[in-house]
Amino acid sequence: MPMTDFKQDRAIYLQMAERICDEILAGKYNENLPELFRQMELLDIPIETIVKQWKEFKEKK
């Protein structure tokens, strides 16, 4: 799913952070964290948002 397909009922930055967390779990970045940070920078997502989403994801499991 492209980063431009967003639902209207949730904040876009949360949806973007959730997608990045999903990509991490899918192994898209593996050992390539610089690529992840570039992607976050391009999308203007603060690292804190990703960390918060990751914590919420882990709590759901």
C-alpha atoms as a PDB file:
ATOM      1  CA  MET A   1       0.000   0.000   0.000  1.00  0.00           C
ATOM      2  CA  PRO A   2       1.499   3.353  -1.000  1.00  0.00           C
ATOM      3  CA  MET A   3       2.144   6.010   1.610  1.00  0.00           C
ATOM      4  CA  THR A   4      -0.474   8.177  -0.094  1.00  0.00           C
ATOM      5  CA  ASP A   5      -3.508   5.939   0.588  1.00  0.00           C
ATOM      6  CA  PHE A   6      -4.774   7.098   3.960  1.00  0.00           C
ATOM      7  CA  LYS A   7      -8.007   6.609   5.855  1.00  0.00           C
ATOM      8  CA  GLN A   8      -9.837   9.783   6.811  1.00  0.00           C
ATOM      9  CA  ASP A   9     -10.731   8.599  10.329  1.00  0.00           C
ATOM     10  CA  ARG A  10      -7.156   8.544  11.723  1.00  0.00           C
ATOM     11  CA  ALA A  11      -4.276  10.977  11.806  1.00  0.00           C
ATOM     12  CA  ILE A  12      -2.028  10.564   8.770  1.00  0.00           C
ATOM     13  CA  TYR A  13       1.168  10.610  10.827  1.00  0.00           C
ATOM     14  CA  LEU A  14      -0.113   7.694  12.908  1.00  0.00           C
ATOM     15  CA  GLN A  15      -0.985   5.736   9.779  1.00  0.00           C
ATOM     16  CA  MET A  16       2.468   6.412   8.336  1.00  0.00           C
ATOM     17  CA  ALA A  17       4.140   5.329  11.573  1.00  0.00           C
ATOM     18  CA  GLU A  18       2.041   2.170  11.647  1.00  0.00           C
ATOM     19  CA  ARG A  19       3.048   1.317   8.082  1.00  0.00           C
ATOM     20  CA  ILE A  20       6.724   1.789   8.907  1.00  0.00           C
ATOM     21  CA  CYS A  21       6.332  -0.502  11.927  1.00  0.00           C
ATOM     22  CA  ASP A  22       4.706  -3.076   9.630  1.00  0.00           C
ATOM     23  CA  GLU A  23       7.600  -2.734   7.192  1.00  0.00           C
ATOM     24  CA  ILE A  24      10.087  -3.282  10.030  1.00  0.00           C
ATOM     25  CA  LEU A  25       8.258  -6.451  11.062  1.00  0.00           C
ATOM     26  CA  ALA A  26       8.164  -7.628   7.450  1.00  0.00           C
ATOM     27  CA  GLY A  27      11.955  -7.329   7.334  1.00  0.00           C
ATOM     28  CA  LYS A  28      12.052  -4.523   4.791  1.00  0.00           C
ATOM     29  CA  TYR A  29      14.829  -2.708   6.639  1.00  0.00           C
ATOM     30  CA  ASN A  30      16.610  -5.557   8.484  1.00  0.00           C
ATOM     31  CA  GLU A  31      20.120  -4.219   9.010  1.00  0.00           C
ATOM     32  CA  ASN A  32      19.558  -1.134   6.868  1.00  0.00           C
ATOM     33  CA  LEU A  33      18.460   1.376   9.495  1.00  0.00           C
ATOM     34  CA  PRO A  34      19.886   4.353   7.575  1.00  0.00           C
ATOM     35  CA  GLU A  35      17.311   3.611   4.847  1.00  0.00           C
ATOM     36  CA  LEU A  36      14.561   3.606   7.477  1.00  0.00           C
ATOM     37  CA  PHE A  37      15.721   6.943   8.857  1.00  0.00           C
ATOM     38  CA  ARG A  38      15.855   8.450   5.355  1.00  0.00           C
ATOM     39  CA  GLN A  39      12.298   7.265   4.725  1.00  0.00           C
ATOM     40  CA  MET A  40      11.130   8.793   8.003  1.00  0.00           C
ATOM     41  CA  GLU A  41      12.898  12.052   7.177  1.00  0.00           C
ATOM     42  CA  LEU A  42      11.286  12.203   3.720  1.00  0.00           C
ATOM     43  CA  LEU A  43       7.864  11.637   5.265  1.00  0.00           C
ATOM     44  CA  ASP A  44       8.598  14.054   8.131  1.00  0.00           C
ATOM     45  CA  ILE A  45       7.879  11.444  10.826  1.00  0.00           C
ATOM     46  CA  PRO A  46       9.549  12.015  14.199  1.00  0.00           C
ATOM     47  CA  ILE A  47      11.298   8.945  15.658  1.00  0.00           C
ATOM     48  CA  GLU A  48       9.174   9.377  18.779  1.00  0.00           C
ATOM     49  CA  THR A  49       6.051   8.621  16.722  1.00  0.00           C
ATOM     50  CA  ILE A  50       7.542   5.357  15.482  1.00  0.00           C
ATOM     51  CA  VAL A  51       8.618   4.377  18.993  1.00  0.00           C
ATOM     52  CA  LYS A  52       5.151   5.126  20.375  1.00  0.00           C
ATOM     53  CA  GLN A  53       3.463   3.086  17.631  1.00  0.00           C
ATOM     54  CA  TRP A  54       5.906   0.227  18.218  1.00  0.00           C
ATOM     55  CA  LYS A  55       5.110   0.203  21.953  1.00  0.00           C
ATOM     56  CA  GLU A  56       1.377   0.202  21.231  1.00  0.00           C
ATOM     57  CA  PHE A  57       1.841  -2.657  18.769  1.00  0.00           C
ATOM     58  CA  LYS A  58       3.799  -4.731  21.307  1.00  0.00           C
ATOM     59  CA  GLU A  59       1.156  -4.118  23.980  1.00  0.00           C
ATOM     60  CA  LYS A  60      -1.545  -5.487  21.659  1.00  0.00           C
ATOM     61  CA  LYS A  61       0.304  -8.797  21.206  1.00  0.00           C
END
